Amino acid sequence: AQPEVAIVSWEDGICLSEVTRRPAFGGCYMEEGELSSRRAAARHLARTFWLLLFEHHIALGGLCAGNVLLRTAMDEEQLEVVLLRCGLCHQVDAETLQDLKHLTQLLRRGADSEEVGHLILTRGL
């Protein structure tokens, strides 16, 4: 059995749900800075998710915008992602990782829905 670990700490940052919910400035458009911030947040969260999955073999089951904080790093240039309440983490086996890598490759090269569906049905994804 794996040991259970609980870490309790106060983390500063802006909740991802706040970043995505903010109305556009002026009501009809977003300034480039706001769009840039949202794009950077989305990229950083996606990188974090895939890094945890493919490098550390951890799948986050309870990930939602309310469980993610964004904050600037010490150098003020980059964003940090803080994941909260990750009790639904699961270890991913090597075979499932290979299937997910294959699925990702299919999607990146623009495979049709029949090919993607076949992989999902035959591999039980």
N, C-alpha and C. Protein backbone atom coordinates (compact mmCIF):
# COMPACT_ATOMS: atom_id res chain seq x y z
N ALA A 1 0.85 -1.19 0.00
CA ALA A 1 0.00 0.00 0.00
C ALA A 1 0.88 1.24 0.00
N GLN A 2 0.43 2.25 -0.70
CA GLN A 2 1.14 3.51 -0.78
C GLN A 2 0.83 4.34 0.47
N PRO A 3 1.83 5.05 0.99
CA PRO A 3 1.55 5.91 2.14
C PRO A 3 0.67 7.09 1.73
N GLU A 4 -0.19 7.51 2.65
CA GLU A 4 -1.03 8.66 2.38
C GLU A 4 -0.38 9.88 3.01
N VAL A 5 -0.35 10.96 2.26
CA VAL A 5 0.30 12.17 2.70
C VAL A 5 -0.69 13.32 2.62
N ALA A 6 -0.76 14.11 3.67
CA ALA A 6 -1.59 15.32 3.65
C ALA A 6 -0.68 16.52 3.89
N ILE A 7 -0.76 17.49 3.01
CA ILE A 7 0.01 18.71 3.15
C ILE A 7 -0.99 19.86 3.28
N VAL A 8 -0.86 20.60 4.36
CA VAL A 8 -1.75 21.74 4.57
C VAL A 8 -0.89 22.99 4.53
N SER A 9 -1.23 23.90 3.62
CA SER A 9 -0.46 25.14 3.52
C SER A 9 -1.35 26.23 2.94
N TRP A 10 -0.95 27.47 3.15
CA TRP A 10 -1.64 28.61 2.56
C TRP A 10 -0.90 28.96 1.28
N GLU A 11 -1.60 29.00 0.17
CA GLU A 11 -0.99 29.31 -1.11
C GLU A 11 -1.62 30.58 -1.67
N ASP A 12 -0.79 31.47 -2.11
CA ASP A 12 -1.25 32.72 -2.70
C ASP A 12 -1.37 32.55 -4.21
N GLY A 13 -2.32 33.23 -4.80
CA GLY A 13 -2.47 33.19 -6.25
C GLY A 13 -3.87 33.58 -6.65
N ILE A 14 -4.12 33.53 -7.95
CA ILE A 14 -5.43 33.83 -8.50
C ILE A 14 -6.04 32.52 -8.98
N CYS A 15 -7.26 32.26 -8.56
CA CYS A 15 -7.95 31.03 -8.95
C CYS A 15 -8.20 31.03 -10.46
N LEU A 16 -7.93 29.92 -11.11
CA LEU A 16 -8.11 29.82 -12.56
C LEU A 16 -9.55 30.14 -12.95
N SER A 17 -10.51 29.77 -12.12
CA SER A 17 -11.90 30.07 -12.46
C SER A 17 -12.13 31.58 -12.53
N GLU A 18 -11.39 32.36 -11.74
CA GLU A 18 -11.49 33.82 -11.83
C GLU A 18 -10.88 34.34 -13.13
N VAL A 19 -9.77 33.77 -13.52
CA VAL A 19 -9.11 34.21 -14.76
C VAL A 19 -10.02 33.96 -15.96
N THR A 20 -10.67 32.81 -16.00
CA THR A 20 -11.51 32.48 -17.16
C THR A 20 -12.87 33.16 -17.11
N ARG A 21 -13.30 33.58 -15.93
CA ARG A 21 -14.63 34.19 -15.78
C ARG A 21 -14.61 35.70 -15.98
N ARG A 22 -13.46 36.32 -15.90
CA ARG A 22 -13.37 37.78 -16.01
C ARG A 22 -14.02 38.26 -17.31
N PRO A 23 -14.85 39.28 -17.22
CA PRO A 23 -15.47 39.80 -18.46
C PRO A 23 -14.44 40.53 -19.30
N ALA A 24 -14.72 40.59 -20.57
CA ALA A 24 -13.84 41.33 -21.47
C ALA A 24 -13.90 42.81 -21.13
N PHE A 25 -12.79 43.51 -21.25
CA PHE A 25 -12.77 44.94 -20.99
C PHE A 25 -13.68 45.63 -21.98
N GLY A 26 -14.49 46.59 -21.50
CA GLY A 26 -15.38 47.32 -22.39
C GLY A 26 -16.61 46.52 -22.80
N GLY A 27 -16.70 45.28 -22.37
CA GLY A 27 -17.87 44.47 -22.65
C GLY A 27 -17.89 43.80 -24.02
N CYS A 28 -17.06 44.23 -24.98
CA CYS A 28 -17.18 43.64 -26.32
C CYS A 28 -15.86 43.11 -26.85
N TYR A 29 -14.74 43.40 -26.20
CA TYR A 29 -13.47 42.87 -26.66
C TYR A 29 -12.51 42.75 -25.49
N MET A 30 -11.44 42.00 -25.68
CA MET A 30 -10.41 41.87 -24.66
C MET A 30 -9.16 42.55 -25.14
N GLU A 31 -8.49 43.22 -24.23
CA GLU A 31 -7.21 43.80 -24.58
C GLU A 31 -6.19 42.69 -24.77
N GLU A 32 -5.16 42.97 -25.54
CA GLU A 32 -4.15 41.95 -25.85
C GLU A 32 -3.51 41.39 -24.58
N GLY A 33 -3.29 42.25 -23.57
CA GLY A 33 -2.69 41.77 -22.32
C GLY A 33 -3.54 40.73 -21.63
N GLU A 34 -4.86 40.92 -21.63
CA GLU A 34 -5.78 39.96 -21.02
C GLU A 34 -5.78 38.64 -21.80
N LEU A 35 -5.83 38.73 -23.12
CA LEU A 35 -5.78 37.52 -23.95
C LEU A 35 -4.47 36.78 -23.74
N SER A 36 -3.39 37.53 -23.70
CA SER A 36 -2.07 36.94 -23.51
C SER A 36 -2.00 36.22 -22.17
N SER A 37 -2.54 36.82 -21.12
CA SER A 37 -2.55 36.20 -19.80
C SER A 37 -3.33 34.90 -19.79
N ARG A 38 -4.49 34.92 -20.44
CA ARG A 38 -5.31 33.71 -20.49
C ARG A 38 -4.63 32.60 -21.29
N ARG A 39 -4.00 32.97 -22.40
CA ARG A 39 -3.27 31.97 -23.20
C ARG A 39 -2.12 31.38 -22.41
N ALA A 40 -1.38 32.23 -21.71
CA ALA A 40 -0.24 31.76 -20.91
C ALA A 40 -0.71 30.82 -19.81
N ALA A 41 -1.81 31.16 -19.15
CA ALA A 41 -2.35 30.31 -18.09
C ALA A 41 -2.77 28.95 -18.65
N ALA A 42 -3.44 28.95 -19.79
CA ALA A 42 -3.89 27.70 -20.39
C ALA A 42 -2.70 26.83 -20.80
N ARG A 43 -1.69 27.44 -21.42
CA ARG A 43 -0.49 26.68 -21.82
C ARG A 43 0.21 26.08 -20.61
N HIS A 44 0.36 26.88 -19.57
CA HIS A 44 1.08 26.41 -18.40
C HIS A 44 0.33 25.27 -17.70
N LEU A 45 -0.97 25.38 -17.60
CA LEU A 45 -1.75 24.31 -16.99
C LEU A 45 -1.69 23.04 -17.82
N ALA A 46 -1.77 23.18 -19.15
CA ALA A 46 -1.68 22.00 -20.02
C ALA A 46 -0.33 21.33 -19.87
N ARG A 47 0.74 22.11 -19.86
CA ARG A 47 2.09 21.54 -19.67
C ARG A 47 2.19 20.80 -18.34
N THR A 48 1.63 21.39 -17.29
CA THR A 48 1.66 20.77 -15.96
C THR A 48 0.92 19.44 -15.98
N PHE A 49 -0.26 19.43 -16.58
CA PHE A 49 -1.06 18.21 -16.66
C PHE A 49 -0.32 17.10 -17.38
N TRP A 50 0.23 17.42 -18.58
CA TRP A 50 0.92 16.41 -19.38
C TRP A 50 2.23 15.98 -18.71
N LEU A 51 2.92 16.89 -18.06
CA LEU A 51 4.15 16.54 -17.35
C LEU A 51 3.86 15.55 -16.23
N LEU A 52 2.83 15.83 -15.45
CA LEU A 52 2.46 14.90 -14.38
C LEU A 52 2.08 13.54 -14.95
N LEU A 53 1.37 13.53 -16.07
CA LEU A 53 0.93 12.27 -16.65
C LEU A 53 2.08 11.49 -17.26
N PHE A 54 2.83 12.10 -18.17
CA PHE A 54 3.83 11.36 -18.93
C PHE A 54 5.17 11.21 -18.22
N GLU A 55 5.56 12.16 -17.40
CA GLU A 55 6.85 12.07 -16.71
C GLU A 55 6.75 11.40 -15.35
N HIS A 56 5.66 11.68 -14.64
CA HIS A 56 5.53 11.16 -13.27
C HIS A 56 4.47 10.07 -13.14
N HIS A 57 3.77 9.77 -14.24
CA HIS A 57 2.76 8.71 -14.30
C HIS A 57 1.63 8.93 -13.31
N ILE A 58 1.21 10.20 -13.16
CA ILE A 58 0.13 10.55 -12.25
C ILE A 58 -1.00 11.19 -13.05
N ALA A 59 -2.21 10.66 -12.88
CA ALA A 59 -3.40 11.25 -13.50
C ALA A 59 -4.17 11.99 -12.43
N LEU A 60 -4.53 13.23 -12.73
CA LEU A 60 -5.31 14.03 -11.80
C LEU A 60 -6.79 13.84 -12.09
N GLY A 61 -7.50 13.24 -11.14
CA GLY A 61 -8.91 12.95 -11.34
C GLY A 61 -9.84 14.08 -10.94
N GLY A 62 -9.44 14.96 -10.06
CA GLY A 62 -10.34 16.01 -9.57
C GLY A 62 -9.96 17.39 -10.04
N LEU A 63 -9.30 17.48 -11.18
CA LEU A 63 -8.83 18.77 -11.66
C LEU A 63 -9.99 19.59 -12.22
N CYS A 64 -10.19 20.77 -11.66
CA CYS A 64 -11.18 21.71 -12.17
C CYS A 64 -10.64 23.12 -11.92
N ALA A 65 -11.25 24.10 -12.57
CA ALA A 65 -10.74 25.48 -12.48
C ALA A 65 -10.70 26.00 -11.05
N GLY A 66 -11.57 25.52 -10.19
CA GLY A 66 -11.58 25.95 -8.80
C GLY A 66 -10.45 25.38 -7.97
N ASN A 67 -9.76 24.36 -8.48
CA ASN A 67 -8.66 23.72 -7.76
C ASN A 67 -7.29 24.11 -8.30
N VAL A 68 -7.23 25.18 -9.07
CA VAL A 68 -5.97 25.60 -9.68
C VAL A 68 -5.73 27.07 -9.36
N LEU A 69 -4.56 27.37 -8.82
CA LEU A 69 -4.15 28.76 -8.60
C LEU A 69 -3.03 29.09 -9.57
N LEU A 70 -3.02 30.33 -10.01
CA LEU A 70 -1.94 30.83 -10.86
C LEU A 70 -1.27 31.98 -10.10
N ARG A 71 0.04 32.02 -10.18
CA ARG A 71 0.76 33.13 -9.57
C ARG A 71 2.05 33.35 -10.34
N THR A 72 2.61 34.54 -10.21
CA THR A 72 3.87 34.81 -10.89
C THR A 72 5.00 34.21 -10.07
N ALA A 73 6.00 33.74 -10.78
CA ALA A 73 7.17 33.16 -10.14
C ALA A 73 8.04 34.29 -9.58
N MET A 74 9.09 33.92 -8.87
CA MET A 74 9.97 34.90 -8.24
C MET A 74 10.55 35.88 -9.25
N ASP A 75 10.81 35.42 -10.48
CA ASP A 75 11.41 36.31 -11.48
C ASP A 75 10.36 37.18 -12.18
N GLU A 76 9.08 37.01 -11.82
CA GLU A 76 7.98 37.81 -12.36
C GLU A 76 7.73 37.60 -13.85
N GLU A 77 8.50 36.74 -14.50
CA GLU A 77 8.36 36.51 -15.93
C GLU A 77 7.44 35.34 -16.24
N GLN A 78 7.46 34.33 -15.39
CA GLN A 78 6.72 33.11 -15.66
C GLN A 78 5.60 32.91 -14.66
N LEU A 79 4.61 32.13 -15.08
CA LEU A 79 3.53 31.76 -14.18
C LEU A 79 3.86 30.44 -13.50
N GLU A 80 3.41 30.32 -12.27
CA GLU A 80 3.46 29.05 -11.56
C GLU A 80 2.03 28.53 -11.45
N VAL A 81 1.88 27.22 -11.50
CA VAL A 81 0.58 26.59 -11.31
C VAL A 81 0.61 25.87 -9.97
N VAL A 82 -0.39 26.13 -9.15
CA VAL A 82 -0.52 25.47 -7.85
C VAL A 82 -1.80 24.63 -7.91
N LEU A 83 -1.66 23.32 -7.76
CA LEU A 83 -2.80 22.42 -7.80
C LEU A 83 -3.27 22.17 -6.37
N LEU A 84 -4.55 22.38 -6.11
CA LEU A 84 -5.12 22.23 -4.78
C LEU A 84 -6.00 20.98 -4.72
N ARG A 85 -6.11 20.42 -3.55
CA ARG A 85 -7.01 19.30 -3.31
C ARG A 85 -6.90 18.21 -4.38
N CYS A 86 -5.75 17.62 -4.48
CA CYS A 86 -5.51 16.60 -5.49
C CYS A 86 -5.64 15.19 -4.92
N GLY A 87 -6.66 14.96 -4.14
CA GLY A 87 -6.86 13.66 -3.53
C GLY A 87 -7.25 12.58 -4.51
N LEU A 88 -7.63 12.96 -5.71
CA LEU A 88 -8.05 11.99 -6.72
C LEU A 88 -6.94 11.69 -7.71
N CYS A 89 -5.72 11.60 -7.23
CA CYS A 89 -4.58 11.26 -8.09
C CYS A 89 -4.49 9.74 -8.22
N HIS A 90 -4.15 9.30 -9.40
CA HIS A 90 -4.01 7.86 -9.64
C HIS A 90 -2.70 7.58 -10.35
N GLN A 91 -2.03 6.51 -9.94
CA GLN A 91 -0.83 6.06 -10.63
C GLN A 91 -1.25 5.43 -11.95
N VAL A 92 -0.56 5.78 -13.03
CA VAL A 92 -0.90 5.28 -14.36
C VAL A 92 0.14 4.25 -14.79
N ASP A 93 -0.33 3.08 -15.23
CA ASP A 93 0.60 2.01 -15.62
C ASP A 93 1.20 2.30 -17.00
N ALA A 94 2.29 1.62 -17.32
CA ALA A 94 3.05 1.86 -18.55
C ALA A 94 2.21 1.58 -19.80
N GLU A 95 1.39 0.55 -19.79
CA GLU A 95 0.57 0.21 -20.96
C GLU A 95 -0.44 1.33 -21.26
N THR A 96 -1.07 1.85 -20.23
CA THR A 96 -2.03 2.94 -20.41
C THR A 96 -1.32 4.19 -20.93
N LEU A 97 -0.12 4.45 -20.42
CA LEU A 97 0.65 5.59 -20.90
C LEU A 97 0.96 5.46 -22.39
N GLN A 98 1.32 4.27 -22.82
CA GLN A 98 1.59 4.05 -24.25
C GLN A 98 0.34 4.30 -25.08
N ASP A 99 -0.81 3.83 -24.59
CA ASP A 99 -2.07 4.06 -25.29
C ASP A 99 -2.37 5.56 -25.39
N LEU A 100 -2.14 6.28 -24.31
CA LEU A 100 -2.40 7.72 -24.30
C LEU A 100 -1.44 8.46 -25.24
N LYS A 101 -0.18 8.02 -25.28
CA LYS A 101 0.77 8.62 -26.21
C LYS A 101 0.33 8.39 -27.65
N HIS A 102 -0.14 7.17 -27.92
CA HIS A 102 -0.62 6.85 -29.27
C HIS A 102 -1.83 7.72 -29.61
N LEU A 103 -2.77 7.86 -28.68
CA LEU A 103 -3.95 8.69 -28.90
C LEU A 103 -3.54 10.14 -29.15
N THR A 104 -2.60 10.64 -28.37
CA THR A 104 -2.12 12.02 -28.54
C THR A 104 -1.50 12.21 -29.91
N GLN A 105 -0.72 11.23 -30.36
CA GLN A 105 -0.11 11.32 -31.69
C GLN A 105 -1.17 11.33 -32.78
N LEU A 106 -2.20 10.51 -32.63
CA LEU A 106 -3.29 10.49 -33.61
C LEU A 106 -3.97 11.86 -33.68
N LEU A 107 -4.25 12.43 -32.53
CA LEU A 107 -4.94 13.72 -32.49
C LEU A 107 -4.08 14.84 -33.06
N ARG A 108 -2.78 14.79 -32.77
CA ARG A 108 -1.87 15.84 -33.26
C ARG A 108 -1.74 15.82 -34.78
N ARG A 109 -1.81 14.64 -35.37
CA ARG A 109 -1.67 14.59 -36.82
C ARG A 109 -3.01 14.71 -37.53
N GLY A 110 -4.09 14.93 -36.76
CA GLY A 110 -5.39 15.17 -37.37
C GLY A 110 -6.11 13.93 -37.85
N ALA A 111 -5.93 12.82 -37.14
CA ALA A 111 -6.59 11.57 -37.54
C ALA A 111 -8.10 11.75 -37.54
N ASP A 112 -8.78 10.99 -38.40
CA ASP A 112 -10.23 11.10 -38.45
C ASP A 112 -10.88 10.39 -37.26
N SER A 113 -12.15 10.65 -37.07
CA SER A 113 -12.85 10.13 -35.90
C SER A 113 -12.92 8.60 -35.90
N GLU A 114 -12.92 7.99 -37.07
CA GLU A 114 -12.97 6.53 -37.13
C GLU A 114 -11.69 5.91 -36.56
N GLU A 115 -10.55 6.49 -36.92
CA GLU A 115 -9.28 5.97 -36.43
C GLU A 115 -9.14 6.18 -34.91
N VAL A 116 -9.54 7.34 -34.44
CA VAL A 116 -9.48 7.63 -32.99
C VAL A 116 -10.46 6.71 -32.26
N GLY A 117 -11.66 6.57 -32.79
CA GLY A 117 -12.65 5.69 -32.17
C GLY A 117 -12.19 4.24 -32.09
N HIS A 118 -11.53 3.79 -33.15
CA HIS A 118 -11.01 2.41 -33.17
C HIS A 118 -10.00 2.20 -32.05
N LEU A 119 -9.08 3.16 -31.87
CA LEU A 119 -8.10 3.04 -30.78
C LEU A 119 -8.80 3.00 -29.43
N ILE A 120 -9.75 3.88 -29.23
CA ILE A 120 -10.45 3.93 -27.95
C ILE A 120 -11.18 2.64 -27.66
N LEU A 121 -11.88 2.10 -28.66
CA LEU A 121 -12.64 0.87 -28.45
C LEU A 121 -11.77 -0.36 -28.29
N THR A 122 -10.68 -0.46 -29.06
CA THR A 122 -9.85 -1.65 -28.97
C THR A 122 -8.94 -1.66 -27.76
N ARG A 123 -8.56 -0.49 -27.27
CA ARG A 123 -7.65 -0.41 -26.13
C ARG A 123 -8.35 -0.11 -24.82
N GLY A 124 -9.64 0.17 -24.86
CA GLY A 124 -10.40 0.41 -23.63
C GLY A 124 -10.09 1.74 -22.96
N LEU A 125 -9.77 2.74 -23.78
CA LEU A 125 -9.46 4.06 -23.20
C LEU A 125 -10.69 4.75 -22.68
